[in-house]
Structures are given as C-alpha cells and as structure tokens.
Amino acid sequence: MAAEDAAPGNRAEGLQANAIGFVDALVIGLNSTSPAYSLAAVIGPIVALVGIYAPGVMFASFVPMLLIASAFYYLNKVDQDCGTTFSWVTRAMGPWIGWLGGWAIAMTGVLVVGSLADVAVSFALLAVGLDGWVDNAFVRQLLTVLLIIVMTAVCVIGTELSAKVQNVLILAQVVFLLVFVGVALYSVYAGTSKYDSVEPALSWLNPFGAGGAALSGGLLLGVFIYWGWESAVNLTEEVEDSATAPGKAGLWSTVILLVTYVSVGFAVVAYAGPTFLAENADEEEFVFAQLATDVLGGWDWVLLLAVSTSAIASTQTTIIPASRTALSMARRRALPASYGHISPRFRTPDVSTWWVAGIAIAWYLVVNQISSNALFDSLTALSLLIAFYYALTGIACAVYYRRHLLESVHNFLLIGLGPLIGSGLLAWLLVKSVADMSDPANSYSGTSWFGLGPPLVIGIGITVVGIVIMCVWRLRAPAFWAERPGVVDPELVHGKEA
C-alpha cells in the first residue's frame, strides 16, 4: 500500500519522503540495537555460560540475524511499507498471522523503552558523580519518564531531527568504545590489568568450545544484543531510494555490530578474565561500570557516557518501529484509524508515537512497583517476541517469493533457503526460551508466577491480550481480514535486480 494511503480522514498527509539518506538509516539501525548498553547488559552472563568463548558466541549469534536481514532486504524491495513484518506477513501468509506479527513488534517497544531510559539516566548520573541519585528510586524514575517524553518529542518533531541526534550519539558511542578497547588491550599486553588477564587467542572465536548446552544459552543472549537493526527498514517510506537503501542499511548494521561486539568481547574477557566476569554476572551492566573505573581510572566517565548515550539513542529509535507498525496497521484498518494520524506539520505518526510512549511509561512505572527484578524479567520476555516476529519474516520471504526461488541459485540461497534457516534457528531459540522460562529459578527474581517463571507469564500475557484485541477488532471492523495471501509481482522481481 502506498505511503500516501493514510488513515481515513488523513489521506492527503503521508510520511515525509526522502527525509533521510542511507547513512542516516544505517546510524538509526545501529543505535536501535544500543551497542554499548547491550554489551554492558550481556557480557557478564555470556562469559558465565561459555567463558573465554564469548566472542565466538557473539559471532554465532550474528548468523541468524544476517539471514533474517536478507529477508528484510528482499521483502522491502517489493513492498516499501513502514509496517515491515506486519505488512509482509499479511501479504504472504494472511491477516491473522500478520496482525500478530505487528502486535509483537509494537509490544517489544513497550517492554524495553522504560528499561533503556532507566539505564541511560543511571549511567549519566554515575558519569557526573551523582551516585546517590541512582539509588533514589523516585528521582531516577522521574528522570526516566522525562527522558522518554523528550525522546518521544524528538521522534514526533521530525525524522531529520531524529537522524541528526542519532548521528551524534553513535559517534560518541563508537569513540568511547574504541578508547575502552584500546586501553584495555594495552593493559593486558603491558601486564597492568588489575585482574587475572588472559592474552586474546583466535580459538576464542570457536562458539562450540564450551559445549552445546552453554552455546544455546549464550545464543539466547546473543540474539538480544543484535535486535533492533530493522528500525532502518521501518523508515523505508522516509528514506531516499526506499526500495534498496533501507534493506542495505539493515544488512550493514548487522555486520558493523558483529565487528563491534567481537572486538569489545575480546577486550573485556582478556582484561578482566573469565573468572571475575562469571562471578559477577548477576551484576549485569554495572560490571561495565566497574571495568570502566579499572581500565580508564579518572576517565571512567568516558565509558559510562558510552552506555548512557547508547541507551538514550535506543530509547528514541526503539519507539520508531512500534509507532510505524501501528501506523501501517491503522492504514490497513487492522487498528483504529486514529493510530494512522500523521502530523500535518512534521509529517510523522504523532498519535501512534505518543501512544507507544505512554504505554511504555505506564509499564515501566507499574513493573517497578513490583520490583526492579520484575523489570529485568520483562526484558527477558523480549526474546520470545523477537524470535517470533523475526522467524515470521524469514518464512514470509520464502513464501512470498516462492514462484521465483528456483529461477537462480542466487534466489534459492538468499531469498529462500537462507531466510528459512534463519527462521529455523530462531524457532529453536523460541522453544528453548519457553522451556527455560517455565522454570521460575531461571528468572531474575527467582519467584513463581502461576507456577511459571515471570518472563514466560509476561510473554503469554502479552500474546493473550493481543489475541483478544485482534478478535474484538475483527468483529468491529472486518475489512482487514478480507485480505488474502498472495505472491510477489513478477514485474517487481524481474524489473529490478533481485
């Protein structure tokens, strides 16, 4: 459906075409993954599982992401819709499964935005020496809500402004991380590390070094650190050369993330050693704060700001996929028309953007009243939603292109087999996640909700709520459910480079 086909009553207003270029889309894709924050959050737990083979697990986690990124690239070539997975799965597999894919994307934003903003605030306060404010729940949560509101306003004001902010933030992240990696590795080879450092070796890239069980657990964490690159594709209607640039931005995002994660993985494991990281895995991102002080001394604020800017950037960019998906669903009458409203002044989906932010703020505040561990449990539930809609996208690619897969080896491998393998790997991780989360002992809080782990209950609850809303809307506005699955138009395949 064309970008101009906005919700009823607003059809003259479309998203701002050609608002940003390839580089801007690439930066937004990178920032959506929140590289510094993601590394801070998972490096300890991954090392606890696989030891020195953490860089190898990060490399192995890259494989399904690259295969799914290929699916995003080829589906975007034939359907430049900001709803991405929602639109593509609907066209390939029908409205019911398409609606659930859109719901999953929207809910990932709701679950994670509050946590990202909380980390951004906490590390910014640590960087300027206001440690006491971090421990004050009221102050920290108030600043977190204010940050979400500010970053949401940036999203609404315009895609160009969002891109400019993201360019500054990603530059700061990259510089800070490179400084940390350089100083940490110098300390290892100079023998000045405060821990039992280990000189890096190529054997650390072997993901199977710690055994199969440890690898599966590490991959679950690895998928989380790569998640978010597809935000570049959600901006497809606002990017120059929309048929190819957003997809390429998504592909290159995963490659750049691979290099970043493996580099920092080598530096952290070499400097601190696997024993220290494994023993402090439950400290999550604050292990990074400790290492920042140890590696950089009085310049520890450099790495602290890296994590803060990373989380700030991702707070903004995580809102983009959820709001654009809601817009796309409203245009197809899969949600109320109000969610499809586009600001006449800024030409951004203002209503859906503020709705995503509002629900995310409410979720953050309510979950925090339960416990801080419950907030971490809601993040763990993300893996279920991520694996679900990524896997759907890979399958949709093969199904939508099915009449063209045997036309060439290129089509068969990159459009059919590759995305299906990626989907299979993610489906396996989804099943593994459900099995692990069913045991309350595997949750952050260690408590039981209805006899299950809190993350699984949260995941099931979100799914059930989505199904109920879908069924109710089906009864109230059945037009969307009249759509039937189809195949890609041959002219779109043969009229362009596949």
Protein backbone atom coordinates (compact mmCIF):
# COMPACT_ATOMS: atom_id res chain seq x y z
CA MET A 1 0.00 0.00 0.00
CA ALA A 2 1.42 3.38 -0.88
CA ALA A 3 2.74 5.70 1.77
CA GLU A 4 0.10 8.24 0.88
CA ASP A 5 -2.72 5.92 1.84
CA ALA A 6 -3.05 7.19 5.35
CA ALA A 7 -5.94 6.56 7.67
CA PRO A 8 -9.40 7.73 6.64
CA GLY A 9 -9.72 11.47 7.03
CA ASN A 10 -5.97 11.91 6.68
CA ARG A 11 -5.21 10.51 3.24
CA ALA A 12 -3.64 13.70 1.94
CA GLU A 13 -0.96 13.51 4.57
CA GLY A 14 1.83 10.99 4.08
CA LEU A 15 5.13 10.42 5.82
CA GLN A 16 7.88 12.75 4.63
CA ALA A 17 9.51 11.06 1.66
CA ASN A 18 13.29 11.35 1.17
CA ALA A 19 13.70 12.85 4.64
CA ILE A 20 16.94 10.96 5.33
CA GLY A 21 19.63 9.14 3.39
CA PHE A 22 21.33 5.74 3.56
CA VAL A 23 23.89 6.79 6.19
CA ASP A 24 21.18 8.22 8.44
CA ALA A 25 19.18 4.99 8.14
CA LEU A 26 22.31 2.96 8.91
CA VAL A 27 23.01 5.03 12.03
CA ILE A 28 19.43 4.66 13.25
CA GLY A 29 19.65 0.90 12.70
CA LEU A 30 22.87 0.75 14.71
CA ASN A 31 21.59 2.92 17.53
CA SER A 32 18.40 0.89 17.81
CA THR A 33 20.49 -2.06 18.98
CA SER A 34 22.10 0.14 21.66
CA PRO A 35 25.58 -1.42 21.22
CA ALA A 36 27.25 -0.14 24.39
CA TYR A 37 24.23 -0.88 26.58
CA SER A 38 23.70 -4.30 25.02
CA LEU A 39 27.33 -5.22 25.64
CA ALA A 40 27.14 -3.98 29.20
CA ALA A 41 23.97 -5.99 29.81
CA VAL A 42 25.07 -9.37 28.45
CA ILE A 43 28.85 -9.66 28.50
CA GLY A 44 28.91 -10.96 32.09
CA PRO A 45 26.13 -13.56 31.66
CA ILE A 46 27.59 -14.79 28.34
CA VAL A 47 31.03 -15.26 29.89
CA ALA A 48 29.40 -17.07 32.83
CA LEU A 49 27.97 -19.55 30.32
CA VAL A 50 30.81 -20.01 27.83
CA GLY A 51 33.91 -18.49 29.43
CA ILE A 52 36.58 -17.29 27.01
CA TYR A 53 34.46 -18.36 24.06
CA ALA A 54 32.15 -15.34 24.47
CA PRO A 55 33.43 -13.70 21.25
CA GLY A 56 32.62 -16.94 19.39
CA VAL A 57 29.07 -16.97 20.71
CA MET A 58 28.63 -13.35 19.65
CA PHE A 59 29.80 -14.37 16.19
CA ALA A 60 27.42 -17.36 16.10
CA SER A 61 24.50 -15.13 17.15
CA PHE A 62 25.24 -12.97 14.12
CA VAL A 63 24.38 -15.79 11.68
CA PRO A 64 20.56 -15.90 12.13
CA MET A 65 20.49 -12.10 12.24
CA LEU A 66 22.26 -11.84 8.88
CA LEU A 67 19.92 -14.40 7.32
CA ILE A 68 16.85 -12.56 8.59
CA ALA A 69 18.36 -9.25 7.47
CA SER A 70 18.47 -10.76 3.98
CA ALA A 71 14.73 -11.44 4.25
CA PHE A 72 14.11 -7.83 5.27
CA TYR A 73 16.15 -6.62 2.30
CA TYR A 74 14.28 -8.64 -0.33
CA LEU A 75 10.83 -8.07 1.14
CA ASN A 76 11.45 -4.33 1.33
CA LYS A 77 12.42 -4.33 -2.37
CA VAL A 78 8.90 -5.38 -3.34
CA ASP A 79 6.90 -3.70 -0.55
CA GLN A 80 8.17 -0.43 0.94
CA ASP A 81 5.79 -0.33 3.88
CA CYS A 82 6.81 1.11 7.25
CA GLY A 83 4.93 -1.76 8.91
CA THR A 84 7.62 -4.21 7.66
CA THR A 85 6.86 -7.59 9.23
CA PHE A 86 3.17 -6.79 9.68
CA SER A 87 2.70 -5.84 6.04
CA TRP A 88 4.89 -8.59 4.57
CA VAL A 89 3.49 -11.45 6.66
CA THR A 90 -0.06 -10.27 5.92
CA ARG A 91 0.63 -10.30 2.17
CA ALA A 92 2.40 -13.69 2.26
CA MET A 93 0.52 -15.61 4.97
CA GLY A 94 -2.75 -13.81 5.65
CA PRO A 95 -4.17 -11.19 8.05
CA TRP A 96 -4.38 -13.27 11.24
CA ILE A 97 -0.71 -14.16 11.47
CA GLY A 98 0.24 -10.75 10.05
CA TRP A 99 -1.66 -8.96 12.80
CA LEU A 100 0.13 -10.97 15.48
CA GLY A 101 3.48 -10.12 13.91
CA GLY A 102 2.63 -6.43 14.10
CA TRP A 103 1.48 -6.79 17.70
CA ALA A 104 4.79 -8.44 18.64
CA ILE A 105 6.79 -5.54 17.19
CA ALA A 106 4.68 -2.93 18.98
CA MET A 107 4.97 -4.72 22.31
CA THR A 108 8.76 -5.05 22.15
CA GLY A 109 8.92 -1.27 22.21
CA VAL A 110 6.58 -1.09 25.18
CA LEU A 111 8.63 -3.62 27.16
CA VAL A 112 12.08 -2.16 26.58
CA VAL A 113 11.78 1.63 26.31
CA GLY A 114 11.45 2.19 30.07
CA SER A 115 14.41 -0.02 30.88
CA LEU A 116 16.59 1.69 28.26
CA ALA A 117 15.74 5.14 29.59
CA ASP A 118 16.38 3.96 33.16
CA VAL A 119 19.86 2.75 32.21
CA ALA A 120 20.54 5.99 30.30
CA VAL A 121 19.67 8.06 33.36
CA SER A 122 21.56 5.82 35.79
CA PHE A 123 24.82 5.83 33.82
CA ALA A 124 24.60 9.57 33.12
CA LEU A 125 24.25 10.20 36.85
CA LEU A 126 27.18 7.89 37.58
CA ALA A 127 29.28 9.69 34.97
CA VAL A 128 28.80 13.04 36.73
CA GLY A 129 29.27 11.62 40.22
CA LEU A 130 25.64 11.67 41.37
CA ASP A 131 25.67 8.08 42.62
CA GLY A 132 23.17 8.88 45.38
CA TRP A 133 20.56 9.91 42.84
CA VAL A 134 20.84 6.50 41.20
CA ASP A 135 19.87 4.85 44.48
CA ASN A 136 16.89 7.20 44.92
CA ALA A 137 14.08 5.36 43.15
CA PHE A 138 11.78 8.39 42.94
CA VAL A 139 14.40 10.69 41.40
CA ARG A 140 15.65 8.05 38.98
CA GLN A 141 12.17 7.10 37.80
CA LEU A 142 11.12 10.75 37.45
CA LEU A 143 14.17 11.49 35.27
CA THR A 144 13.50 8.32 33.29
CA VAL A 145 9.93 9.37 32.48
CA LEU A 146 11.13 12.85 31.50
CA LEU A 147 13.75 11.35 29.19
CA ILE A 148 11.14 9.16 27.47
CA ILE A 149 8.93 12.22 26.92
CA VAL A 150 11.82 14.24 25.47
CA MET A 151 12.95 11.47 23.11
CA THR A 152 9.35 10.87 22.01
CA ALA A 153 9.04 14.56 21.20
CA VAL A 154 12.18 14.30 19.08
CA CYS A 155 10.58 11.40 17.18
CA VAL A 156 7.43 13.44 16.56
CA ILE A 157 9.17 16.68 15.56
CA GLY A 158 10.74 15.01 12.58
CA THR A 159 12.79 12.21 11.09
CA GLU A 160 15.56 14.64 10.07
CA LEU A 161 15.99 15.82 13.67
CA SER A 162 15.95 12.21 14.87
CA ALA A 163 18.69 11.35 12.38
CA LYS A 164 20.87 14.30 13.45
CA VAL A 165 20.56 13.35 17.12
CA GLN A 166 21.36 9.72 16.28
CA ASN A 167 24.46 10.68 14.27
CA VAL A 168 25.92 12.48 17.29
CA LEU A 169 25.06 9.66 19.68
CA ILE A 170 26.51 6.85 17.55
CA LEU A 171 29.73 8.81 17.04
CA ALA A 172 30.06 9.24 20.80
CA GLN A 173 29.42 5.53 21.37
CA VAL A 174 31.97 4.37 18.82
CA VAL A 175 34.68 6.73 20.08
CA PHE A 176 34.10 5.77 23.72
CA LEU A 177 34.11 2.04 22.97
CA LEU A 178 37.27 2.28 20.87
CA VAL A 179 39.05 4.13 23.68
CA PHE A 180 38.00 1.42 26.13
CA VAL A 181 39.09 -1.42 23.84
CA GLY A 182 42.45 0.20 23.13
CA VAL A 183 43.31 0.93 26.76
CA ALA A 184 42.07 -2.50 27.96
CA LEU A 185 44.14 -4.45 25.42
CA TYR A 186 47.20 -2.28 26.11
CA SER A 187 46.86 -3.09 29.81
CA VAL A 188 46.65 -6.82 29.03
CA TYR A 189 49.86 -6.88 27.00
CA ALA A 190 51.62 -4.48 29.38
CA GLY A 191 50.68 -6.67 32.35
CA THR A 192 48.98 -3.82 34.23
CA SER A 193 45.47 -5.28 34.48
CA LYS A 194 44.03 -5.44 37.99
CA TYR A 195 42.57 -8.88 37.27
CA ASP A 196 43.75 -12.27 36.07
CA SER A 197 44.03 -11.12 32.48
CA VAL A 198 44.42 -13.51 29.57
CA GLU A 199 46.03 -12.71 26.22
CA PRO A 200 43.48 -12.99 23.37
CA ALA A 201 43.58 -16.02 21.07
CA LEU A 202 41.81 -16.87 17.81
CA SER A 203 40.44 -20.02 19.47
CA TRP A 204 38.06 -17.76 21.40
CA LEU A 205 36.05 -17.45 18.18
CA ASN A 206 35.01 -21.11 18.42
CA PRO A 207 31.35 -20.98 19.56
CA PHE A 208 31.33 -24.70 20.35
CA GLY A 209 34.28 -24.51 22.74
CA ALA A 210 32.14 -24.61 25.87
CA GLY A 211 29.70 -27.30 24.67
CA GLY A 212 26.19 -27.38 23.22
CA ALA A 213 24.16 -26.56 26.34
CA ALA A 214 26.25 -23.48 27.12
CA LEU A 215 26.07 -22.41 23.47
CA SER A 216 22.26 -22.47 23.39
CA GLY A 217 22.06 -20.28 26.49
CA GLY A 218 24.62 -17.88 25.07
CA LEU A 219 22.77 -17.65 21.76
CA LEU A 220 19.60 -16.59 23.56
CA LEU A 221 21.51 -13.65 24.99
CA GLY A 222 23.30 -13.04 21.71
CA VAL A 223 20.05 -12.58 19.77
CA PHE A 224 19.08 -9.79 22.18
CA ILE A 225 22.25 -7.74 21.53
CA TYR A 226 21.65 -7.74 17.76
CA TRP A 227 17.93 -6.99 17.97
CA GLY A 228 16.80 -3.59 16.68
CA TRP A 229 18.73 -3.13 13.43
CA GLU A 230 15.48 -3.35 11.43
CA SER A 231 14.47 0.13 12.61
CA ALA A 232 16.22 1.35 9.46
CA VAL A 233 13.68 -0.59 7.39
CA ASN A 234 10.75 0.78 9.38
CA LEU A 235 11.77 4.18 7.97
CA THR A 236 11.57 2.90 4.40
CA GLU A 237 8.88 5.41 3.37
CA GLU A 238 11.08 8.28 4.62
CA VAL A 239 14.45 7.16 3.17
CA GLU A 240 15.92 8.11 -0.20
CA ASP A 241 15.98 5.17 -2.62
CA SER A 242 13.42 3.39 -0.46
CA ALA A 243 13.45 0.15 -2.46
CA THR A 244 17.06 -0.73 -1.62
CA ALA A 245 18.68 1.72 0.83
CA PRO A 246 16.75 0.67 3.99
CA GLY A 247 17.42 -3.02 3.38
CA LYS A 248 21.11 -2.37 2.77
CA ALA A 249 21.24 -0.28 5.93
CA GLY A 250 19.82 -3.22 7.89
CA LEU A 251 22.35 -5.64 6.40
CA TRP A 252 25.32 -3.36 7.06
CA SER A 253 24.09 -2.69 10.59
CA THR A 254 24.42 -6.36 11.48
CA VAL A 255 27.94 -6.53 10.02
CA ILE A 256 29.14 -3.43 11.88
CA LEU A 257 27.59 -4.74 15.08
CA LEU A 258 29.44 -8.03 14.63
CA VAL A 259 32.81 -6.25 14.46
CA THR A 260 31.94 -4.05 17.45
CA TYR A 261 30.70 -6.85 19.68
CA VAL A 262 33.54 -9.25 18.93
CA SER A 263 36.15 -6.51 19.48
CA VAL A 264 34.73 -5.45 22.84
CA GLY A 265 34.20 -9.11 23.77
CA PHE A 266 37.89 -9.83 23.23
CA ALA A 267 38.91 -6.74 25.22
CA VAL A 268 36.64 -7.41 28.21
CA VAL A 269 37.42 -11.12 28.50
CA ALA A 270 41.16 -10.52 28.07
CA TYR A 271 41.32 -7.68 30.61
CA ALA A 272 39.07 -9.00 33.40
CA GLY A 273 39.45 -12.72 32.79
CA PRO A 274 36.58 -15.21 32.69
CA THR A 275 36.58 -15.90 36.43
CA PHE A 276 35.77 -12.35 37.53
CA LEU A 277 33.11 -11.89 34.85
CA ALA A 278 31.42 -15.20 35.66
CA GLU A 279 31.39 -14.50 39.39
CA ASN A 280 29.79 -11.09 38.84
CA ALA A 281 27.41 -11.99 36.01
CA ASP A 282 24.36 -11.17 38.12
CA GLU A 283 25.50 -7.55 38.39
CA GLU A 284 24.50 -7.05 34.75
CA GLU A 285 25.53 -3.75 33.21
CA PHE A 286 27.16 -2.42 36.37
CA VAL A 287 30.07 -4.79 35.76
CA PHE A 288 30.85 -2.48 32.86
CA ALA A 289 30.81 0.47 35.23
CA GLN A 290 33.37 -1.25 37.46
CA LEU A 291 35.58 -2.14 34.50
CA ALA A 292 35.33 1.45 33.26
CA THR A 293 36.86 2.65 36.51
CA ASP A 294 39.54 -0.05 36.50
CA VAL A 295 40.53 0.43 32.85
CA LEU A 296 40.21 4.19 32.48
CA GLY A 297 40.76 5.39 36.04
CA GLY A 298 39.66 9.02 36.35
CA TRP A 299 38.45 8.86 32.77
CA ASP A 300 35.84 6.21 33.62
CA TRP A 301 33.13 8.72 32.72
CA VAL A 302 34.06 8.04 29.09
CA LEU A 303 32.66 4.51 29.15
CA LEU A 304 29.83 5.45 31.47
CA LEU A 305 28.74 8.08 28.97
CA ALA A 306 29.06 5.50 26.18
CA VAL A 307 26.49 3.29 27.88
CA SER A 308 24.29 6.29 28.69
CA THR A 309 24.34 7.70 25.14
CA SER A 310 23.76 4.21 23.81
CA ALA A 311 20.65 3.79 25.93
CA ILE A 312 19.42 7.32 25.13
CA ALA A 313 19.77 6.64 21.42
CA SER A 314 17.97 3.33 21.67
CA THR A 315 15.20 4.88 23.78
CA GLN A 316 14.39 7.07 20.78
CA THR A 317 14.92 4.58 17.99
CA THR A 318 13.01 1.76 19.69
CA ILE A 319 9.89 3.92 19.53
CA ILE A 320 10.21 4.15 15.73
CA PRO A 321 9.36 0.53 14.76
CA ALA A 322 6.45 0.34 17.20
CA SER A 323 4.91 3.64 16.06
CA ARG A 324 5.42 2.96 12.34
CA THR A 325 3.95 -0.52 12.71
CA ALA A 326 0.88 0.93 14.44
CA LEU A 327 0.58 3.47 11.62
CA SER A 328 0.75 0.74 8.99
CA MET A 329 -1.83 -1.37 10.81
CA ALA A 330 -4.19 1.59 11.06
CA ARG A 331 -3.86 2.31 7.33
CA ARG A 332 -4.86 -1.28 6.58
CA ARG A 333 -7.76 -0.95 9.08
CA ALA A 334 -6.19 -3.50 11.39
CA LEU A 335 -6.28 -0.89 14.19
CA PRO A 336 -8.48 2.17 14.81
CA ALA A 337 -7.95 4.94 12.25
CA SER A 338 -6.67 7.38 14.90
CA TYR A 339 -3.39 5.47 15.11
CA GLY A 340 -2.81 6.33 11.46
CA HIS A 341 -2.89 10.08 12.02
CA ILE A 342 0.12 11.91 10.61
CA SER A 343 1.12 15.34 11.89
CA PRO A 344 0.41 17.88 9.12
CA ARG A 345 3.36 19.96 10.31
CA PHE A 346 6.02 17.32 10.95
CA ARG A 347 4.66 14.51 8.75
CA THR A 348 5.35 11.88 11.39
CA PRO A 349 2.88 9.44 13.03
CA ASP A 350 2.27 11.60 16.10
CA VAL A 351 -0.68 9.76 17.64
CA SER A 352 0.85 6.27 17.48
CA THR A 353 4.22 7.61 18.68
CA TRP A 354 2.74 9.18 21.81
CA TRP A 355 0.60 6.11 22.45
CA VAL A 356 3.68 3.87 22.38
CA ALA A 357 5.50 6.21 24.77
CA GLY A 358 2.52 6.47 27.10
CA ILE A 359 2.02 2.72 27.39
CA ALA A 360 5.78 2.22 27.82
CA ILE A 361 5.87 4.75 30.68
CA ALA A 362 2.90 3.09 32.38
CA TRP A 363 4.50 -0.34 32.01
CA TYR A 364 7.81 0.92 33.42
CA LEU A 365 6.21 2.54 36.47
CA VAL A 366 3.87 -0.37 37.25
CA VAL A 367 6.54 -3.05 36.89
CA ASN A 368 8.93 -1.05 39.07
CA GLN A 369 6.34 -1.09 41.82
CA ILE A 370 6.51 -4.89 41.77
CA SER A 371 10.32 -4.98 41.92
CA SER A 372 13.38 -3.98 39.94
CA ASN A 373 13.86 -7.65 39.14
CA ALA A 374 10.41 -7.73 37.55
CA LEU A 375 11.64 -5.06 35.12
CA PHE A 376 14.53 -7.32 34.14
CA ASP A 377 12.08 -10.21 33.79
CA SER A 378 10.04 -8.18 31.32
CA LEU A 379 13.21 -7.66 29.28
CA THR A 380 13.86 -11.41 29.29
CA ALA A 381 10.37 -11.89 27.84
CA LEU A 382 11.54 -9.85 24.85
CA SER A 383 13.38 -12.87 23.45
CA LEU A 384 10.04 -14.59 22.85
CA LEU A 385 8.60 -11.69 20.85
CA ILE A 386 11.85 -11.03 18.97
CA ALA A 387 12.30 -14.65 17.92
CA PHE A 388 8.63 -14.84 16.91
CA TYR A 389 8.45 -11.90 14.52
CA TYR A 390 11.95 -12.40 13.10
CA ALA A 391 11.11 -16.03 12.34
CA LEU A 392 7.81 -14.99 10.74
CA THR A 393 9.67 -12.55 8.48
CA GLY A 394 12.08 -15.21 7.24
CA ILE A 395 9.22 -17.59 6.44
CA ALA A 396 7.21 -14.80 4.77
CA CYS A 397 10.15 -14.02 2.48
CA ALA A 398 10.34 -17.59 1.16
CA VAL A 399 6.54 -17.87 0.87
CA TYR A 400 6.06 -14.52 -0.87
CA TYR A 401 8.85 -15.23 -3.39
CA ARG A 402 8.01 -18.93 -3.76
CA ARG A 403 7.37 -18.78 -7.52
CA HIS A 404 10.81 -17.31 -8.15
CA LEU A 405 13.07 -19.30 -5.83
CA LEU A 406 14.12 -21.81 -8.49
CA GLU A 407 14.89 -19.20 -11.14
CA SER A 408 18.50 -18.91 -9.98
CA VAL A 409 20.94 -20.14 -7.34
CA HIS A 410 21.02 -16.58 -6.02
CA ASN A 411 17.26 -16.55 -5.41
CA PHE A 412 17.23 -20.02 -3.90
CA LEU A 413 20.03 -19.31 -1.40
CA LEU A 414 19.49 -15.67 -0.45
CA ILE A 415 15.71 -15.33 -0.73
CA GLY A 416 14.57 -18.85 0.12
CA LEU A 417 16.97 -21.16 1.95
CA GLY A 418 18.88 -18.54 3.92
CA PRO A 419 15.84 -16.84 5.49
CA LEU A 420 14.28 -20.25 6.22
CA ILE A 421 17.43 -21.40 8.01
CA GLY A 422 17.42 -18.17 9.99
CA SER A 423 13.78 -18.73 10.89
CA GLY A 424 14.51 -22.31 11.92
CA LEU A 425 17.31 -21.21 14.23
CA LEU A 426 15.10 -18.57 15.81
CA ALA A 427 12.20 -21.01 16.17
CA TRP A 428 14.55 -23.37 18.02
CA LEU A 429 15.64 -20.49 20.28
CA LEU A 430 11.97 -19.64 20.87
CA VAL A 431 11.19 -23.18 22.00
CA LYS A 432 14.36 -23.22 24.13
CA SER A 433 13.36 -19.90 25.70
CA VAL A 434 9.91 -21.20 26.62
CA ALA A 435 11.43 -24.28 28.24
CA ASP A 436 13.95 -22.24 30.21
CA MET A 437 11.45 -19.60 31.28
CA SER A 438 8.99 -22.18 32.54
CA ASP A 439 11.34 -22.74 35.49
CA PRO A 440 10.98 -19.87 38.00
CA ALA A 441 14.57 -20.44 39.12
CA ASN A 442 15.78 -19.06 35.78
CA SER A 443 14.16 -15.66 36.31
CA TYR A 444 15.90 -12.62 37.79
CA SER A 445 13.54 -12.53 40.74
CA GLY A 446 13.61 -16.30 41.27
CA THR A 447 9.91 -16.12 42.11
CA SER A 448 7.00 -18.07 40.68
CA TRP A 449 4.01 -16.57 38.90
CA PHE A 450 1.26 -19.16 38.49
CA GLY A 451 3.90 -21.87 38.78
CA LEU A 452 5.96 -20.47 35.92
CA GLY A 453 8.84 -18.05 35.56
CA PRO A 454 7.71 -14.38 35.39
CA PRO A 455 9.21 -13.80 31.89
CA LEU A 456 7.11 -16.62 30.42
CA VAL A 457 3.98 -15.36 32.16
CA ILE A 458 4.64 -11.87 30.75
CA GLY A 459 5.15 -13.32 27.27
CA ILE A 460 2.00 -15.42 27.46
CA GLY A 461 0.03 -12.49 28.88
CA ILE A 462 1.07 -10.17 26.05
CA THR A 463 0.15 -12.83 23.49
CA VAL A 464 -3.26 -13.48 25.04
CA VAL A 465 -4.05 -9.76 25.25
CA GLY A 466 -3.04 -9.41 21.59
CA ILE A 467 -5.30 -12.27 20.51
CA VAL A 468 -8.24 -10.81 22.45
CA ILE A 469 -7.76 -7.35 20.92
CA MET A 470 -7.40 -8.90 17.46
CA CYS A 471 -10.61 -10.88 17.80
CA VAL A 472 -12.55 -7.90 19.15
CA TRP A 473 -11.33 -5.67 16.33
CA ARG A 474 -12.14 -8.41 13.82
CA LEU A 475 -15.76 -8.26 14.96
CA ARG A 476 -15.90 -4.44 14.92
CA ALA A 477 -14.01 -3.81 11.65
CA PRO A 478 -13.75 -6.94 9.49
CA ALA A 479 -12.39 -5.20 6.35
CA PHE A 480 -8.74 -6.02 7.03
CA TRP A 481 -9.50 -9.71 7.44
CA ALA A 482 -10.83 -9.89 3.90
CA GLU A 483 -7.25 -9.68 2.58
CA ARG A 484 -5.92 -12.88 1.03
CA PRO A 485 -2.33 -14.11 0.79
CA GLY A 486 -0.55 -13.56 -2.49
CA VAL A 487 2.83 -13.82 -4.20
CA VAL A 488 5.31 -11.21 -5.32
CA ASP A 489 4.50 -9.48 -8.62
CA PRO A 490 6.86 -10.90 -11.30
CA GLU A 491 7.42 -7.37 -12.64
CA LEU A 492 8.82 -6.31 -9.29
CA VAL A 493 11.29 -9.20 -9.34
CA HIS A 494 12.37 -9.05 -12.96
CA GLY A 495 12.03 -5.31 -13.36
CA LYS A 496 14.66 -4.76 -10.68
CA GLU A 497 17.77 -6.56 -9.56
CA ALA A 498 16.56 -9.32 -7.23
